[in-house]
Amino acid sequence: MKLLICLTALAATLASAAPVDRPWTHYNDLLAMLKMDRFYAAPPSQRDKVVMRGVVHPDDPAMAPKDVVFTIVNGTERQRIQVDPDGGFDVPFNPEWVKSNPEVLTTVAAGKKAKFGFRAVPVLPQKLQFSYASLMDSVPQVNALIKSQAGMLRFLMPTLVGVTLQFPKGSPATVSLTTADGIKHFTADANGVIKLPLDKALLTANVPVTLSALPASVDFIED
């Protein structure tokens, strides 16, 4: 299951359904809205195995998330941010932008509201063979981030217990772990999903991991 934290629908009011950019908010306010300011406040060594993505879902059922575009305008520089069909989007972190706090434009109808949130995604090596720690170190790291950055709300946050690899539906993808007791095989289900709970013994041994193919995406498993 994806770690998705939804914020209030009143957090922001978006602009026009016509594909025309218009002023909406500022960079630091966007980071704060998505709680990314807290994420980037942590030392890099405490967040290098996790990626934070924004999530937007317009309240208007006629407006698809993929139709939303944000643009960061810093002087003559324009950084376009396209939203995925599932509502996810990446906000580039730039310390210089934190100082200059550039304007953010959007392309959705004035008066339209949306729910905003954030999603934590594990960093996975872009290769077929790597160590178990490379696969699972993101799990204890993101749990530690939740505890350190969520404040009083940390008791309401989920505990993450592993990772999910998403392959194309119907894919015969496999994951193999070479342990001292032999090779453990995991095969994708009918939906192309392989769920791998964190095994502390395998993490300590840091066994080799082999994928039959690169996954289309990877997410955390919630307890």
N, C-alpha and C. Protein backbone atom coordinates (compact mmCIF):
# COMPACT_ATOMS: atom_id res chain seq x y z
N MET A 1 0.85 -1.20 0.00
CA MET A 1 0.00 0.00 0.00
C MET A 1 0.88 1.24 0.00
N LYS A 2 0.50 2.24 -0.75
CA LYS A 2 1.29 3.46 -0.83
C LYS A 2 1.10 4.27 0.43
N LEU A 3 2.21 4.86 0.91
CA LEU A 3 2.11 5.79 2.02
C LEU A 3 1.61 7.10 1.45
N LEU A 4 0.36 7.41 1.67
CA LEU A 4 -0.24 8.61 1.12
C LEU A 4 -0.92 9.37 2.23
N ILE A 5 -0.46 10.56 2.52
CA ILE A 5 -1.03 11.37 3.58
C ILE A 5 -1.81 12.51 2.92
N CYS A 6 -3.12 12.51 3.06
CA CYS A 6 -3.96 13.55 2.45
C CYS A 6 -4.11 14.71 3.41
N LEU A 7 -3.96 15.92 2.90
CA LEU A 7 -4.13 17.12 3.69
C LEU A 7 -5.52 17.68 3.41
N THR A 8 -5.86 18.79 4.02
CA THR A 8 -7.19 19.35 3.90
C THR A 8 -7.50 19.85 2.50
N ALA A 9 -8.74 19.69 2.10
CA ALA A 9 -9.17 20.18 0.79
C ALA A 9 -9.15 21.70 0.74
N LEU A 10 -9.11 22.34 1.91
CA LEU A 10 -9.09 23.79 1.96
C LEU A 10 -7.67 24.33 1.92
N ALA A 11 -6.70 23.47 1.76
CA ALA A 11 -5.31 23.91 1.77
C ALA A 11 -5.00 24.82 0.61
N ALA A 12 -5.72 24.68 -0.49
CA ALA A 12 -5.42 25.51 -1.64
C ALA A 12 -6.61 25.58 -2.56
N THR A 13 -6.72 26.68 -3.27
CA THR A 13 -7.72 26.84 -4.30
C THR A 13 -6.98 27.00 -5.61
N LEU A 14 -7.31 26.14 -6.58
CA LEU A 14 -6.59 26.13 -7.84
C LEU A 14 -7.22 27.09 -8.84
N ALA A 15 -6.55 27.24 -9.97
CA ALA A 15 -7.00 28.17 -11.00
C ALA A 15 -7.76 27.51 -12.12
N SER A 16 -7.91 27.99 -13.25
CA SER A 16 -8.85 27.73 -14.35
C SER A 16 -8.63 26.44 -15.10
N ALA A 17 -9.69 25.84 -15.53
CA ALA A 17 -9.62 24.60 -16.27
C ALA A 17 -8.98 24.80 -17.63
N ALA A 18 -8.99 26.02 -18.13
CA ALA A 18 -8.33 26.30 -19.41
C ALA A 18 -6.82 26.15 -19.23
N PRO A 19 -6.11 25.69 -20.25
CA PRO A 19 -4.66 25.48 -20.13
C PRO A 19 -3.88 26.79 -20.18
N VAL A 20 -4.15 27.66 -19.21
CA VAL A 20 -3.48 28.96 -19.14
C VAL A 20 -2.85 29.09 -17.76
N ASP A 21 -1.55 29.39 -17.72
CA ASP A 21 -0.87 29.56 -16.45
C ASP A 21 -1.37 30.83 -15.76
N ARG A 22 -1.51 30.73 -14.43
CA ARG A 22 -1.83 31.93 -13.67
C ARG A 22 -1.26 31.80 -12.26
N PRO A 23 -0.97 32.94 -11.61
CA PRO A 23 -0.38 32.90 -10.28
C PRO A 23 -1.24 32.10 -9.31
N TRP A 24 -0.55 31.30 -8.46
CA TRP A 24 -1.28 30.46 -7.52
C TRP A 24 -0.70 30.54 -6.12
N THR A 25 0.60 30.22 -5.95
CA THR A 25 1.22 30.26 -4.63
C THR A 25 2.72 30.51 -4.82
N HIS A 26 3.52 30.28 -3.78
CA HIS A 26 4.97 30.43 -3.89
C HIS A 26 5.65 29.12 -3.48
N TYR A 27 6.89 29.00 -3.90
CA TYR A 27 7.64 27.76 -3.77
C TYR A 27 7.68 27.26 -2.32
N ASN A 28 8.03 28.12 -1.37
CA ASN A 28 8.13 27.68 0.02
C ASN A 28 6.78 27.27 0.58
N ASP A 29 5.72 27.94 0.12
CA ASP A 29 4.38 27.56 0.56
C ASP A 29 3.99 26.20 0.01
N LEU A 30 4.41 25.91 -1.23
CA LEU A 30 4.13 24.60 -1.82
C LEU A 30 4.86 23.51 -1.05
N LEU A 31 6.13 23.73 -0.73
CA LEU A 31 6.89 22.75 0.06
C LEU A 31 6.22 22.51 1.41
N ALA A 32 5.77 23.58 2.05
CA ALA A 32 5.13 23.45 3.36
C ALA A 32 3.79 22.71 3.24
N MET A 33 3.02 23.02 2.19
CA MET A 33 1.73 22.37 1.97
C MET A 33 1.88 20.86 1.85
N LEU A 34 2.98 20.44 1.19
CA LEU A 34 3.22 19.02 0.96
C LEU A 34 4.09 18.38 2.05
N LYS A 35 4.42 19.16 3.10
CA LYS A 35 5.27 18.71 4.20
C LYS A 35 6.70 18.39 3.73
N MET A 36 7.07 18.84 2.56
CA MET A 36 8.41 18.58 2.06
C MET A 36 9.45 19.46 2.74
N ASP A 37 9.01 20.57 3.34
CA ASP A 37 9.96 21.40 4.08
C ASP A 37 10.51 20.62 5.27
N ARG A 38 9.67 19.80 5.92
CA ARG A 38 10.14 18.98 7.04
C ARG A 38 11.07 17.87 6.54
N PHE A 39 10.71 17.29 5.40
CA PHE A 39 11.54 16.22 4.84
C PHE A 39 12.94 16.74 4.53
N TYR A 40 13.04 17.88 3.85
CA TYR A 40 14.34 18.41 3.46
C TYR A 40 15.09 19.05 4.63
N ALA A 41 14.38 19.28 5.75
CA ALA A 41 15.05 19.79 6.95
C ALA A 41 15.90 18.71 7.60
N ALA A 42 15.59 17.44 7.33
CA ALA A 42 16.37 16.32 7.86
C ALA A 42 17.71 16.25 7.14
N PRO A 43 18.80 15.83 7.81
CA PRO A 43 20.09 15.68 7.15
C PRO A 43 19.98 14.71 5.97
N PRO A 44 20.71 14.96 4.87
CA PRO A 44 20.64 14.08 3.70
C PRO A 44 20.86 12.61 4.02
N SER A 45 21.73 12.32 4.99
CA SER A 45 22.01 10.92 5.33
C SER A 45 20.81 10.22 5.96
N GLN A 46 19.81 11.00 6.39
CA GLN A 46 18.61 10.42 7.01
C GLN A 46 17.44 10.32 6.04
N ARG A 47 17.65 10.72 4.77
CA ARG A 47 16.55 10.69 3.79
C ARG A 47 17.01 10.28 2.40
N ASP A 48 18.24 9.75 2.30
CA ASP A 48 18.80 9.45 0.98
C ASP A 48 18.22 8.19 0.33
N LYS A 49 17.45 7.42 1.09
CA LYS A 49 16.86 6.19 0.54
C LYS A 49 15.36 6.32 0.29
N VAL A 50 14.86 7.54 0.42
CA VAL A 50 13.43 7.81 0.26
C VAL A 50 13.23 9.03 -0.63
N VAL A 51 12.24 8.96 -1.50
CA VAL A 51 11.85 10.10 -2.33
C VAL A 51 10.45 10.55 -1.88
N MET A 52 10.28 11.87 -1.75
CA MET A 52 8.97 12.41 -1.40
C MET A 52 8.34 12.99 -2.65
N ARG A 53 7.08 12.61 -2.91
CA ARG A 53 6.34 13.13 -4.05
C ARG A 53 5.08 13.83 -3.57
N GLY A 54 4.67 14.85 -4.29
CA GLY A 54 3.41 15.49 -4.00
C GLY A 54 2.27 14.69 -4.62
N VAL A 55 1.06 14.90 -4.11
CA VAL A 55 -0.13 14.25 -4.64
C VAL A 55 -1.25 15.29 -4.67
N VAL A 56 -1.97 15.35 -5.79
CA VAL A 56 -3.11 16.25 -5.90
C VAL A 56 -4.30 15.51 -6.49
N HIS A 57 -5.48 15.75 -5.92
CA HIS A 57 -6.72 15.18 -6.44
C HIS A 57 -7.77 16.28 -6.46
N PRO A 58 -8.08 16.83 -7.65
CA PRO A 58 -9.10 17.88 -7.75
C PRO A 58 -10.45 17.38 -7.25
N ASP A 59 -11.19 18.25 -6.58
CA ASP A 59 -12.53 17.89 -6.10
C ASP A 59 -13.51 17.73 -7.26
N ASP A 60 -13.27 18.45 -8.34
CA ASP A 60 -14.15 18.39 -9.51
C ASP A 60 -13.94 17.05 -10.21
N PRO A 61 -14.95 16.16 -10.24
CA PRO A 61 -14.78 14.85 -10.87
C PRO A 61 -14.51 14.94 -12.38
N ALA A 62 -14.81 16.09 -12.98
CA ALA A 62 -14.57 16.25 -14.41
C ALA A 62 -13.11 16.63 -14.69
N MET A 63 -12.34 16.89 -13.64
CA MET A 63 -10.96 17.32 -13.80
C MET A 63 -10.01 16.17 -13.43
N ALA A 64 -9.29 15.64 -14.38
CA ALA A 64 -8.36 14.54 -14.12
C ALA A 64 -7.05 15.10 -13.56
N PRO A 65 -6.43 14.38 -12.62
CA PRO A 65 -5.15 14.86 -12.08
C PRO A 65 -4.10 15.14 -13.16
N LYS A 66 -4.08 14.31 -14.20
CA LYS A 66 -3.06 14.48 -15.24
C LYS A 66 -3.23 15.79 -16.03
N ASP A 67 -4.40 16.44 -15.89
CA ASP A 67 -4.62 17.71 -16.57
C ASP A 67 -4.03 18.89 -15.81
N VAL A 68 -3.56 18.63 -14.58
CA VAL A 68 -2.99 19.69 -13.76
C VAL A 68 -1.51 19.87 -14.10
N VAL A 69 -1.12 21.13 -14.29
CA VAL A 69 0.29 21.46 -14.50
C VAL A 69 0.66 22.60 -13.57
N PHE A 70 1.77 22.46 -12.87
CA PHE A 70 2.32 23.55 -12.06
C PHE A 70 3.58 24.06 -12.75
N THR A 71 3.87 25.34 -12.59
CA THR A 71 5.08 25.93 -13.17
C THR A 71 5.75 26.81 -12.13
N ILE A 72 7.02 26.53 -11.86
CA ILE A 72 7.81 27.36 -10.95
C ILE A 72 8.53 28.40 -11.80
N VAL A 73 8.32 29.68 -11.47
CA VAL A 73 8.90 30.77 -12.25
C VAL A 73 9.94 31.49 -11.40
N ASN A 74 11.21 31.33 -11.77
CA ASN A 74 12.30 31.96 -11.04
C ASN A 74 13.06 32.85 -12.03
N GLY A 75 12.70 34.10 -12.08
CA GLY A 75 13.29 35.00 -13.07
C GLY A 75 12.87 34.57 -14.46
N THR A 76 13.85 34.31 -15.32
CA THR A 76 13.55 33.84 -16.68
C THR A 76 13.43 32.32 -16.74
N GLU A 77 13.70 31.65 -15.63
CA GLU A 77 13.64 30.19 -15.58
C GLU A 77 12.21 29.72 -15.28
N ARG A 78 11.74 28.76 -16.06
CA ARG A 78 10.40 28.19 -15.86
C ARG A 78 10.52 26.67 -15.76
N GLN A 79 10.18 26.12 -14.60
CA GLN A 79 10.23 24.68 -14.38
C GLN A 79 8.81 24.12 -14.37
N ARG A 80 8.47 23.36 -15.40
CA ARG A 80 7.13 22.78 -15.50
C ARG A 80 7.06 21.49 -14.69
N ILE A 81 5.95 21.30 -14.00
CA ILE A 81 5.71 20.09 -13.22
C ILE A 81 4.41 19.46 -13.69
N GLN A 82 4.51 18.33 -14.36
CA GLN A 82 3.34 17.62 -14.87
C GLN A 82 2.88 16.60 -13.84
N VAL A 83 1.58 16.47 -13.66
CA VAL A 83 1.01 15.52 -12.70
C VAL A 83 0.70 14.20 -13.40
N ASP A 84 1.02 13.09 -12.73
CA ASP A 84 0.75 11.76 -13.28
C ASP A 84 -0.74 11.44 -13.22
N PRO A 85 -1.19 10.43 -13.97
CA PRO A 85 -2.61 10.05 -13.93
C PRO A 85 -3.11 9.71 -12.53
N ASP A 86 -2.22 9.20 -11.66
CA ASP A 86 -2.65 8.86 -10.29
C ASP A 86 -2.57 10.04 -9.33
N GLY A 87 -2.21 11.21 -9.84
CA GLY A 87 -2.15 12.40 -9.00
C GLY A 87 -0.77 12.72 -8.45
N GLY A 88 0.21 11.84 -8.65
CA GLY A 88 1.55 12.08 -8.12
C GLY A 88 2.34 13.06 -8.97
N PHE A 89 3.19 13.84 -8.31
CA PHE A 89 4.07 14.76 -9.03
C PHE A 89 5.33 15.03 -8.21
N ASP A 90 6.40 15.37 -8.91
CA ASP A 90 7.68 15.65 -8.28
C ASP A 90 7.91 17.15 -8.17
N VAL A 91 8.34 17.59 -7.01
CA VAL A 91 8.70 18.99 -6.80
C VAL A 91 10.21 19.05 -6.62
N PRO A 92 10.95 19.61 -7.57
CA PRO A 92 12.41 19.68 -7.42
C PRO A 92 12.79 20.54 -6.23
N PHE A 93 13.78 20.05 -5.46
CA PHE A 93 14.24 20.84 -4.31
C PHE A 93 15.48 21.62 -4.72
N ASN A 94 15.42 22.93 -4.52
CA ASN A 94 16.52 23.82 -4.90
C ASN A 94 16.75 24.82 -3.77
N PRO A 95 17.88 24.73 -3.04
CA PRO A 95 18.13 25.66 -1.94
C PRO A 95 18.10 27.13 -2.36
N GLU A 96 18.48 27.41 -3.61
CA GLU A 96 18.42 28.79 -4.09
C GLU A 96 16.97 29.26 -4.22
N TRP A 97 16.09 28.35 -4.60
CA TRP A 97 14.68 28.71 -4.68
C TRP A 97 14.09 28.93 -3.30
N VAL A 98 14.60 28.21 -2.30
CA VAL A 98 14.14 28.44 -0.93
C VAL A 98 14.45 29.89 -0.53
N LYS A 99 15.61 30.39 -0.99
CA LYS A 99 16.00 31.77 -0.66
C LYS A 99 15.16 32.79 -1.44
N SER A 100 14.97 32.53 -2.74
CA SER A 100 14.26 33.51 -3.59
C SER A 100 12.74 33.33 -3.55
N ASN A 101 12.27 32.16 -3.14
CA ASN A 101 10.84 31.86 -3.00
C ASN A 101 10.06 32.25 -4.26
N PRO A 102 10.35 31.64 -5.40
CA PRO A 102 9.68 32.02 -6.65
C PRO A 102 8.19 31.69 -6.66
N GLU A 103 7.51 32.32 -7.59
CA GLU A 103 6.07 32.12 -7.75
C GLU A 103 5.79 30.78 -8.41
N VAL A 104 4.66 30.19 -8.04
CA VAL A 104 4.21 28.94 -8.65
C VAL A 104 2.88 29.21 -9.36
N LEU A 105 2.82 28.82 -10.64
CA LEU A 105 1.60 28.97 -11.44
C LEU A 105 0.88 27.64 -11.55
N THR A 106 -0.38 27.69 -11.91
CA THR A 106 -1.13 26.47 -12.17
C THR A 106 -2.06 26.68 -13.36
N THR A 107 -2.65 25.60 -13.83
CA THR A 107 -3.50 25.68 -15.03
C THR A 107 -4.91 25.15 -14.80
N VAL A 108 -5.39 25.21 -13.57
CA VAL A 108 -6.74 24.70 -13.28
C VAL A 108 -7.68 25.80 -12.78
N ALA A 109 -9.09 25.59 -12.88
CA ALA A 109 -10.06 26.70 -12.80
C ALA A 109 -10.11 27.46 -11.48
N ALA A 110 -10.16 28.75 -11.53
CA ALA A 110 -10.27 29.59 -10.34
C ALA A 110 -11.47 29.13 -9.52
N GLY A 111 -11.29 29.04 -8.21
CA GLY A 111 -12.38 28.59 -7.35
C GLY A 111 -12.47 27.09 -7.18
N LYS A 112 -11.73 26.34 -7.97
CA LYS A 112 -11.74 24.88 -7.84
C LYS A 112 -10.81 24.46 -6.71
N LYS A 113 -11.29 23.57 -5.84
CA LYS A 113 -10.49 23.10 -4.72
C LYS A 113 -9.92 21.71 -5.01
N ALA A 114 -8.92 21.35 -4.25
CA ALA A 114 -8.28 20.05 -4.43
C ALA A 114 -7.70 19.57 -3.11
N LYS A 115 -7.59 18.26 -2.98
CA LYS A 115 -6.90 17.68 -1.83
C LYS A 115 -5.43 17.49 -2.19
N PHE A 116 -4.57 17.93 -1.30
CA PHE A 116 -3.13 17.79 -1.50
C PHE A 116 -2.56 16.86 -0.44
N GLY A 117 -1.50 16.18 -0.78
CA GLY A 117 -0.84 15.30 0.16
C GLY A 117 0.56 14.99 -0.29
N PHE A 118 1.17 14.01 0.35
CA PHE A 118 2.51 13.59 -0.05
C PHE A 118 2.59 12.07 -0.01
N ARG A 119 3.53 11.55 -0.73
CA ARG A 119 3.74 10.11 -0.82
C ARG A 119 5.23 9.82 -0.67
N ALA A 120 5.56 8.90 0.21
CA ALA A 120 6.95 8.46 0.37
C ALA A 120 7.18 7.25 -0.52
N VAL A 121 8.24 7.28 -1.29
CA VAL A 121 8.56 6.21 -2.24
C VAL A 121 9.98 5.71 -1.98
N PRO A 122 10.18 4.39 -1.88
CA PRO A 122 11.54 3.87 -1.67
C PRO A 122 12.43 4.13 -2.89
N VAL A 123 13.71 4.35 -2.63
CA VAL A 123 14.69 4.43 -3.71
C VAL A 123 15.18 3.02 -4.01
N LEU A 124 15.05 2.59 -5.25
CA LEU A 124 15.45 1.25 -5.66
C LEU A 124 16.55 1.35 -6.71
N PRO A 125 17.64 0.58 -6.56
CA PRO A 125 18.70 0.61 -7.59
C PRO A 125 18.14 0.27 -8.96
N GLN A 126 18.57 1.00 -9.98
CA GLN A 126 18.09 0.75 -11.34
C GLN A 126 18.96 -0.31 -12.02
N LYS A 127 18.97 -1.48 -11.43
CA LYS A 127 19.69 -2.62 -11.98
C LYS A 127 19.03 -3.89 -11.45
N LEU A 128 19.41 -5.01 -12.04
CA LEU A 128 18.73 -6.27 -11.71
C LEU A 128 19.35 -7.01 -10.53
N GLN A 129 20.57 -6.69 -10.16
CA GLN A 129 21.23 -7.37 -9.04
C GLN A 129 21.78 -6.33 -8.07
N PHE A 130 21.48 -6.53 -6.79
CA PHE A 130 21.96 -5.61 -5.77
C PHE A 130 21.80 -6.29 -4.41
N SER A 131 22.19 -5.63 -3.35
CA SER A 131 22.11 -6.22 -2.01
C SER A 131 20.74 -6.01 -1.39
N TYR A 132 20.42 -6.86 -0.42
CA TYR A 132 19.14 -6.76 0.29
C TYR A 132 19.01 -5.40 0.99
N ALA A 133 20.14 -4.90 1.51
CA ALA A 133 20.10 -3.60 2.17
C ALA A 133 19.69 -2.49 1.20
N SER A 134 20.14 -2.61 -0.06
CA SER A 134 19.76 -1.62 -1.07
C SER A 134 18.26 -1.62 -1.32
N LEU A 135 17.65 -2.78 -1.10
CA LEU A 135 16.21 -2.92 -1.29
C LEU A 135 15.43 -2.46 -0.07
N MET A 136 15.94 -2.74 1.12
CA MET A 136 15.14 -2.58 2.34
C MET A 136 15.59 -1.48 3.30
N ASP A 137 16.75 -0.87 3.11
CA ASP A 137 17.20 0.16 4.04
C ASP A 137 16.24 1.35 4.09
N SER A 138 15.45 1.51 3.04
CA SER A 138 14.50 2.62 3.01
C SER A 138 13.41 2.45 4.07
N VAL A 139 13.13 1.21 4.48
CA VAL A 139 12.03 0.97 5.42
C VAL A 139 12.33 1.54 6.81
N PRO A 140 13.45 1.16 7.45
CA PRO A 140 13.73 1.78 8.75
C PRO A 140 14.00 3.28 8.63
N GLN A 141 14.54 3.71 7.47
CA GLN A 141 14.81 5.13 7.32
C GLN A 141 13.53 5.95 7.30
N VAL A 142 12.53 5.50 6.53
CA VAL A 142 11.29 6.27 6.46
C VAL A 142 10.53 6.21 7.78
N ASN A 143 10.59 5.09 8.50
CA ASN A 143 9.95 5.03 9.81
C ASN A 143 10.60 6.01 10.79
N ALA A 144 11.92 6.12 10.71
CA ALA A 144 12.61 7.08 11.58
C ALA A 144 12.24 8.52 11.21
N LEU A 145 12.10 8.79 9.91
CA LEU A 145 11.69 10.12 9.46
C LEU A 145 10.30 10.47 9.97
N ILE A 146 9.39 9.50 9.91
CA ILE A 146 8.04 9.72 10.39
C ILE A 146 8.06 10.10 11.87
N LYS A 147 8.83 9.37 12.65
CA LYS A 147 8.90 9.64 14.09
C LYS A 147 9.52 11.00 14.39
N SER A 148 10.54 11.37 13.61
CA SER A 148 11.25 12.62 13.90
C SER A 148 10.55 13.86 13.36
N GLN A 149 9.79 13.71 12.27
CA GLN A 149 9.22 14.88 11.61
C GLN A 149 7.72 15.05 11.81
N ALA A 150 7.02 14.02 12.29
CA ALA A 150 5.57 14.10 12.40
C ALA A 150 5.09 14.75 13.70
N GLY A 151 6.02 14.99 14.64
CA GLY A 151 5.63 15.64 15.88
C GLY A 151 4.61 14.84 16.66
N MET A 152 3.61 15.54 17.22
CA MET A 152 2.58 14.88 18.02
C MET A 152 1.76 13.88 17.20
N LEU A 153 1.72 14.08 15.87
CA LEU A 153 0.92 13.20 15.03
C LEU A 153 1.60 11.89 14.70
N ARG A 154 2.84 11.69 15.16
CA ARG A 154 3.57 10.48 14.80
C ARG A 154 2.85 9.22 15.27
N PHE A 155 2.05 9.33 16.34
CA PHE A 155 1.34 8.15 16.85
C PHE A 155 0.18 7.76 15.94
N LEU A 156 -0.23 8.66 15.04
CA LEU A 156 -1.31 8.38 14.11
C LEU A 156 -0.78 7.93 12.75
N MET A 157 0.52 7.97 12.58
CA MET A 157 1.12 7.64 11.29
C MET A 157 1.33 6.13 11.19
N PRO A 158 1.29 5.58 9.97
CA PRO A 158 1.49 4.14 9.81
C PRO A 158 2.93 3.73 10.02
N THR A 159 3.13 2.47 10.40
CA THR A 159 4.46 1.88 10.42
C THR A 159 4.63 1.10 9.13
N LEU A 160 5.76 1.28 8.46
CA LEU A 160 6.00 0.63 7.18
C LEU A 160 6.84 -0.62 7.42
N VAL A 161 6.46 -1.72 6.76
CA VAL A 161 7.03 -3.02 7.11
C VAL A 161 7.66 -3.75 5.92
N GLY A 162 7.79 -3.09 4.78
CA GLY A 162 8.39 -3.74 3.62
C GLY A 162 8.17 -2.93 2.38
N VAL A 163 8.44 -3.54 1.23
CA VAL A 163 8.26 -2.84 -0.04
C VAL A 163 7.42 -3.69 -1.00
N THR A 164 6.73 -3.01 -1.89
CA THR A 164 5.94 -3.63 -2.94
C THR A 164 6.54 -3.27 -4.29
N LEU A 165 6.80 -4.26 -5.12
CA LEU A 165 7.29 -4.02 -6.47
C LEU A 165 6.13 -4.22 -7.44
N GLN A 166 5.89 -3.24 -8.27
CA GLN A 166 4.79 -3.30 -9.23
C GLN A 166 5.32 -3.51 -10.64
N PHE A 167 4.99 -4.64 -11.23
CA PHE A 167 5.35 -4.96 -12.61
C PHE A 167 4.08 -4.87 -13.47
N PRO A 168 4.21 -4.89 -14.79
CA PRO A 168 3.01 -4.88 -15.63
C PRO A 168 2.07 -6.02 -15.29
N LYS A 169 0.77 -5.77 -15.38
CA LYS A 169 -0.22 -6.79 -15.07
C LYS A 169 0.00 -8.03 -15.93
N GLY A 170 0.00 -9.19 -15.28
CA GLY A 170 0.22 -10.45 -16.00
C GLY A 170 1.68 -10.78 -16.22
N SER A 171 2.58 -9.95 -15.71
CA SER A 171 4.01 -10.20 -15.89
C SER A 171 4.46 -11.42 -15.09
N PRO A 172 5.37 -12.24 -15.65
CA PRO A 172 5.90 -13.39 -14.89
C PRO A 172 7.12 -13.01 -14.06
N ALA A 173 7.24 -11.75 -13.66
CA ALA A 173 8.41 -11.25 -12.95
C ALA A 173 8.67 -12.02 -11.66
N THR A 174 9.94 -12.14 -11.32
CA THR A 174 10.35 -12.82 -10.09
C THR A 174 11.42 -12.01 -9.36
N VAL A 175 11.50 -12.25 -8.06
CA VAL A 175 12.58 -11.73 -7.22
C VAL A 175 13.19 -12.93 -6.52
N SER A 176 14.53 -13.04 -6.56
CA SER A 176 15.22 -14.17 -5.93
C SER A 176 16.19 -13.65 -4.89
N LEU A 177 16.15 -14.25 -3.70
CA LEU A 177 17.07 -13.91 -2.62
C LEU A 177 17.97 -15.12 -2.36
N THR A 178 19.27 -14.90 -2.46
CA THR A 178 20.23 -15.99 -2.26
C THR A 178 20.64 -16.01 -0.79
N THR A 179 20.02 -16.91 -0.01
CA THR A 179 20.27 -17.00 1.42
C THR A 179 21.18 -18.18 1.74
N ALA A 180 21.57 -18.28 3.00
CA ALA A 180 22.41 -19.39 3.43
C ALA A 180 21.68 -20.72 3.33
N ASP A 181 20.35 -20.67 3.35
CA ASP A 181 19.53 -21.88 3.27
C ASP A 181 19.07 -22.19 1.85
N GLY A 182 19.54 -21.43 0.90
CA GLY A 182 19.14 -21.65 -0.48
C GLY A 182 18.49 -20.40 -1.08
N ILE A 183 17.99 -20.52 -2.28
CA ILE A 183 17.39 -19.39 -2.97
C ILE A 183 15.90 -19.32 -2.70
N LYS A 184 15.44 -18.13 -2.27
CA LYS A 184 14.03 -17.90 -2.06
C LYS A 184 13.48 -17.15 -3.26
N HIS A 185 12.41 -17.69 -3.86
CA HIS A 185 11.82 -17.09 -5.04
C HIS A 185 10.48 -16.45 -4.70
N PHE A 186 10.24 -15.27 -5.25
CA PHE A 186 8.95 -14.58 -5.12
C PHE A 186 8.47 -14.26 -6.53
N THR A 187 7.21 -14.60 -6.81
CA THR A 187 6.66 -14.41 -8.15
C THR A 187 5.51 -13.41 -8.14
N ALA A 188 5.44 -12.59 -9.15
CA ALA A 188 4.38 -11.58 -9.24
C ALA A 188 3.01 -12.25 -9.32
N ASP A 189 2.03 -11.64 -8.67
CA ASP A 189 0.67 -12.16 -8.74
C ASP A 189 0.01 -11.72 -10.06
N ALA A 190 -1.27 -12.00 -10.21
CA ALA A 190 -1.97 -11.70 -11.47
C ALA A 190 -1.96 -10.21 -11.80
N ASN A 191 -1.80 -9.38 -10.77
CA ASN A 191 -1.76 -7.94 -10.99
C ASN A 191 -0.34 -7.41 -11.17
N GLY A 192 0.63 -8.33 -11.21
CA GLY A 192 2.02 -7.91 -11.40
C GLY A 192 2.69 -7.43 -10.13
N VAL A 193 2.15 -7.78 -8.97
CA VAL A 193 2.65 -7.26 -7.69
C VAL A 193 3.46 -8.32 -6.95
N ILE A 194 4.61 -7.90 -6.41
CA ILE A 194 5.39 -8.73 -5.49
C ILE A 194 5.56 -7.95 -4.20
N LYS A 195 5.07 -8.51 -3.09
CA LYS A 195 5.21 -7.87 -1.79
C LYS A 195 6.33 -8.55 -1.02
N LEU A 196 7.25 -7.75 -0.52
CA LEU A 196 8.42 -8.26 0.20
C LEU A 196 8.48 -7.64 1.59
N PRO A 197 7.99 -8.32 2.62
CA PRO A 197 8.11 -7.81 3.98
C PRO A 197 9.58 -7.76 4.40
N LEU A 198 9.91 -6.79 5.23
CA LEU A 198 11.28 -6.67 5.72
C LEU A 198 11.61 -7.84 6.63
N ASP A 199 12.73 -8.53 6.36
CA ASP A 199 13.23 -9.63 7.18
C ASP A 199 14.54 -9.17 7.80
N LYS A 200 14.53 -8.98 9.12
CA LYS A 200 15.71 -8.42 9.79
C LYS A 200 16.93 -9.34 9.68
N ALA A 201 16.69 -10.65 9.67
CA ALA A 201 17.82 -11.59 9.53
C ALA A 201 18.46 -11.46 8.15
N LEU A 202 17.63 -11.33 7.12
CA LEU A 202 18.18 -11.16 5.77
C LEU A 202 18.87 -9.81 5.62
N LEU A 203 18.36 -8.81 6.35
CA LEU A 203 18.99 -7.50 6.30
C LEU A 203 20.36 -7.54 6.96
N THR A 204 20.45 -8.25 8.08
CA THR A 204 21.74 -8.39 8.76
C THR A 204 22.73 -9.14 7.89
N ALA A 205 22.27 -10.21 7.24
CA ALA A 205 23.13 -10.99 6.35
C ALA A 205 23.39 -10.26 5.04
N ASN A 206 22.51 -9.32 4.71
CA ASN A 206 22.62 -8.52 3.48
C ASN A 206 22.79 -9.42 2.25
N VAL A 207 21.84 -10.32 2.06
CA VAL A 207 21.92 -11.32 1.01
C VAL A 207 21.76 -10.68 -0.37
N PRO A 208 22.27 -11.33 -1.42
CA PRO A 208 22.10 -10.83 -2.78
C PRO A 208 20.64 -10.94 -3.25
N VAL A 209 20.21 -9.96 -4.03
CA VAL A 209 18.86 -9.92 -4.59
C VAL A 209 18.98 -9.87 -6.12
N THR A 210 18.16 -10.68 -6.80
CA THR A 210 18.15 -10.67 -8.26
C THR A 210 16.72 -10.49 -8.76
N LEU A 211 16.51 -9.52 -9.63
CA LEU A 211 15.21 -9.29 -10.25
C LEU A 211 15.24 -9.83 -11.68
N SER A 212 14.11 -10.35 -12.13
CA SER A 212 14.03 -10.80 -13.52
C SER A 212 13.82 -9.62 -14.46
N ALA A 213 13.31 -8.51 -13.92
CA ALA A 213 13.07 -7.30 -14.71
C ALA A 213 12.95 -6.13 -13.75
N LEU A 214 13.13 -4.93 -14.27
CA LEU A 214 12.95 -3.75 -13.43
C LEU A 214 11.46 -3.49 -13.23
N PRO A 215 11.03 -3.17 -12.02
CA PRO A 215 9.61 -2.89 -11.78
C PRO A 215 9.21 -1.55 -12.36
N ALA A 216 7.92 -1.41 -12.64
CA ALA A 216 7.41 -0.13 -13.13
C ALA A 216 7.39 0.90 -12.01
N SER A 217 7.17 0.44 -10.78
CA SER A 217 7.16 1.33 -9.62
C SER A 217 7.41 0.53 -8.36
N VAL A 218 7.70 1.22 -7.28
CA VAL A 218 7.94 0.57 -5.99
C VAL A 218 7.30 1.43 -4.92
N ASP A 219 6.71 0.79 -3.92
CA ASP A 219 6.05 1.49 -2.83
C ASP A 219 6.32 0.77 -1.52
N PHE A 220 5.88 1.39 -0.42
CA PHE A 220 6.01 0.79 0.89
C PHE A 220 4.78 -0.04 1.24
N ILE A 221 4.98 -1.03 2.11
CA ILE A 221 3.87 -1.79 2.70
C ILE A 221 3.60 -1.23 4.08
N GLU A 222 2.35 -0.89 4.34
CA GLU A 222 1.96 -0.41 5.66
C GLU A 222 1.56 -1.57 6.55
N ASP A 223 1.84 -1.43 7.86
CA ASP A 223 1.44 -2.45 8.83
C ASP A 223 -0.07 -2.44 9.00
